[in-house]
Protein backbone atom coordinates (compact mmCIF):
# COMPACT_ATOMS: atom_id res chain seq x y z
CA MET A 1 -6.75 -9.20 -16.91
CA ASN A 2 -8.88 -7.35 -19.44
CA ASP A 3 -11.71 -7.33 -16.92
CA LEU A 4 -9.87 -4.86 -14.67
CA GLU A 5 -11.37 -1.38 -14.65
CA VAL A 6 -8.81 1.38 -14.32
CA GLN A 7 -9.97 4.56 -12.61
CA MET A 8 -8.14 7.86 -12.40
CA ILE A 9 -8.42 9.19 -8.85
CA ASN A 10 -6.96 11.81 -6.56
CA LEU A 11 -5.75 10.52 -3.20
CA GLU A 12 -6.02 13.06 -0.41
CA ALA A 13 -3.00 13.92 1.72
CA MET A 14 -2.78 11.73 4.82
CA HIS A 15 -0.97 11.36 8.13
CA VAL A 16 0.30 7.82 8.66
CA VAL A 17 2.12 5.58 11.08
CA VAL A 18 4.96 3.82 9.25
CA ALA A 19 6.28 0.33 9.96
CA THR A 20 8.97 -1.39 7.93
CA GLY A 21 10.16 -4.92 7.45
CA TYR A 22 13.08 -6.45 5.61
CA GLY A 23 13.87 -10.01 4.59
CA THR A 24 12.12 -12.80 2.76
CA ASP A 25 8.70 -11.96 4.29
CA PRO A 26 8.83 -8.25 5.21
CA GLU A 27 5.08 -7.66 4.78
CA ASN A 28 4.25 -9.82 7.81
CA GLU A 29 6.92 -8.07 9.90
CA ALA A 30 5.55 -4.62 9.01
CA TRP A 31 1.92 -5.73 9.53
CA SER A 32 2.76 -7.17 12.96
CA GLU A 33 4.22 -3.82 14.05
CA ILE A 34 1.20 -1.87 12.74
CA LEU A 35 -1.32 -4.19 14.41
CA GLU A 36 0.63 -4.11 17.68
CA PHE A 37 0.59 -0.31 17.49
CA ALA A 38 -3.19 -0.32 16.96
CA THR A 39 -3.70 -2.63 19.95
CA ASP A 40 -1.41 -0.54 22.17
CA HIS A 41 -3.38 2.61 21.26
CA ASP A 42 -6.84 1.01 21.59
CA LEU A 43 -7.50 1.55 17.88
CA ASP A 44 -9.71 -0.84 15.95
CA PRO A 45 -7.83 -1.19 12.68
CA TRP A 46 -10.89 -2.42 10.80
CA ASP A 47 -13.46 0.14 12.01
CA GLN A 48 -13.47 1.97 8.64
CA THR A 49 -11.69 5.07 10.03
CA HIS A 50 -8.21 3.85 9.09
CA ARG A 51 -6.71 2.98 5.73
CA PHE A 52 -3.74 0.72 5.07
CA PHE A 53 -1.21 1.28 2.31
CA GLY A 54 2.01 -0.58 1.64
CA PHE A 55 4.75 -0.94 -0.93
CA ASN A 56 8.10 -2.61 -1.53
CA ASP A 57 11.08 -0.56 -0.37
CA PRO A 58 13.47 -1.65 -1.74
CA ASP A 59 12.17 -4.03 -4.41
CA PRO A 60 13.65 -7.54 -4.52
CA GLU A 61 16.59 -7.82 -6.90
CA PRO A 62 16.89 -10.43 -8.20
CA ILE A 63 13.43 -11.90 -7.70
CA ASP A 64 13.21 -14.12 -4.60
CA SER A 65 15.91 -12.19 -2.71
CA ASP A 66 15.48 -10.22 0.48
CA TYR A 67 13.56 -6.98 0.12
CA GLY A 68 11.87 -4.32 2.19
CA TYR A 69 8.24 -3.44 2.75
CA GLU A 70 6.77 -0.27 4.20
CA GLN A 71 3.28 -0.43 5.73
CA TRP A 72 1.17 2.63 6.54
CA MET A 73 -1.89 3.08 8.73
CA THR A 74 -3.73 6.39 8.53
CA VAL A 75 -4.11 8.08 11.92
CA SER A 76 -4.88 11.50 13.36
CA THR A 77 -2.01 13.95 13.73
CA GLU A 78 -2.24 13.71 17.54
CA VAL A 79 -1.04 10.10 17.57
CA GLU A 80 2.43 9.58 19.02
CA VAL A 81 4.70 6.66 18.24
CA VAL A 82 7.96 5.24 19.53
CA PRO A 83 10.75 3.79 17.36
CA PRO A 84 11.01 1.74 15.31
CA LEU A 85 7.66 3.20 14.20
CA LYS A 86 7.50 6.72 12.84
CA THR A 87 4.87 9.07 11.48
CA ARG A 88 4.81 10.78 8.12
CA ASP A 89 2.69 13.31 6.29
CA VAL A 90 2.06 11.96 2.80
CA ASP A 91 1.13 14.25 -0.05
CA GLY A 92 -1.87 13.22 -2.07
CA GLY A 93 -1.93 13.18 -5.82
CA ARG A 94 -3.26 11.64 -8.98
CA TYR A 95 -3.21 7.88 -9.39
CA ALA A 96 -4.38 5.22 -11.79
CA MET A 97 -6.17 2.61 -9.66
CA VAL A 98 -7.52 -0.92 -10.05
CA ARG A 99 -9.33 -3.09 -7.52
CA ILE A 100 -8.29 -6.72 -7.29
CA HIS A 101 -9.46 -9.78 -5.40
CA GLY A 102 -6.86 -12.23 -4.12
CA LEU A 103 -3.15 -11.71 -3.61
CA ASP A 104 -2.40 -14.30 -6.29
CA THR A 105 -3.45 -11.77 -8.96
CA ILE A 106 -1.23 -8.92 -7.77
CA GLY A 107 1.75 -9.40 -10.12
CA ASP A 108 -0.35 -9.62 -13.28
CA SER A 109 -2.51 -6.73 -12.07
CA TRP A 110 0.51 -4.45 -11.54
CA ARG A 111 1.75 -5.28 -15.06
CA TYR A 112 -1.71 -4.60 -16.49
CA LEU A 113 -1.94 -1.25 -14.71
CA ALA A 114 1.52 -0.14 -15.86
CA ASP A 115 0.77 -1.22 -19.45
CA TRP A 116 -2.61 0.56 -19.34
CA CYS A 117 -0.96 3.80 -18.22
CA LYS A 118 1.63 3.58 -20.98
CA GLU A 119 -1.02 2.83 -23.63
CA HIS A 120 -3.09 5.81 -22.44
CA GLY A 121 -0.19 8.28 -22.37
CA TYR A 122 0.28 8.54 -18.60
CA GLN A 123 3.78 8.83 -17.16
CA ILE A 124 4.65 7.38 -13.76
CA ASP A 125 5.37 10.08 -11.18
CA THR A 126 8.54 8.87 -9.50
CA ASP A 127 8.69 11.95 -7.25
CA ARG A 128 6.11 10.21 -5.02
CA ASP A 129 5.82 6.63 -3.78
CA PRO A 130 4.64 5.41 -7.18
CA CYS A 131 3.12 2.03 -6.29
CA LEU A 132 0.73 1.80 -3.35
CA GLU A 133 -1.20 -1.29 -2.29
CA GLU A 134 -4.27 -0.61 -0.14
CA LEU A 135 -5.68 -3.58 1.75
CA LEU A 136 -9.46 -3.27 2.11
CA THR A 137 -10.17 -6.47 4.04
CA PRO A 138 -8.63 -7.50 7.37
CA VAL A 139 -5.12 -8.87 6.98
CA GLU A 140 -6.20 -11.89 9.05
CA TYR A 141 -8.31 -13.13 6.11
CA SER A 142 -6.77 -15.62 3.74
CA PRO A 143 -4.71 -13.76 1.11
CA THR A 144 -6.89 -15.42 -1.54
CA GLN A 145 -9.81 -13.43 -0.08
CA TRP A 146 -8.11 -10.05 0.18
CA ASP A 147 -9.63 -7.11 -1.66
CA MET A 148 -7.04 -4.53 -2.58
CA ASN A 149 -6.70 -1.31 -4.52
CA LEU A 150 -3.48 -0.86 -6.47
CA TYR A 151 -2.43 2.75 -7.07
CA LEU A 152 0.13 3.86 -9.65
CA ALA A 153 1.21 7.50 -9.28
CA VAL A 154 0.85 9.43 -12.53
CA ALA A 155 2.11 12.86 -13.45
CA ASN A 156 -0.64 15.47 -13.42
């Protein structure tokens, strides 16, 4: 994990469509809703105009139990949705970020990022969604081929 390069960045505020899933595989449930939304609105999700962020909500406790996942897709403010989807305006802010390759590295990468922040005197900002996962490659790729940015909210 020592080969991960941590960057301090400022995420801009964004308007997003929100889909949620809950169970043993909530990510796929949330992704299905987001991709169905994109198809229904004639949006190409991978045309570089949209970004995708997700996070556990709530986290699994204990490990391997049911949990929730919230998936976001950035869209213009004119986009309308119908339940169960909703829209949200998300404040930007300062984040520590690492880029990873392959979903199999995500757990160790999150631990590395949290440890790095602690070692460098950064405090996690729990007033925002503190842990965001941005998928950079199409979700249809094999998870071993996914490129992702992991963002940990830090206090300014």
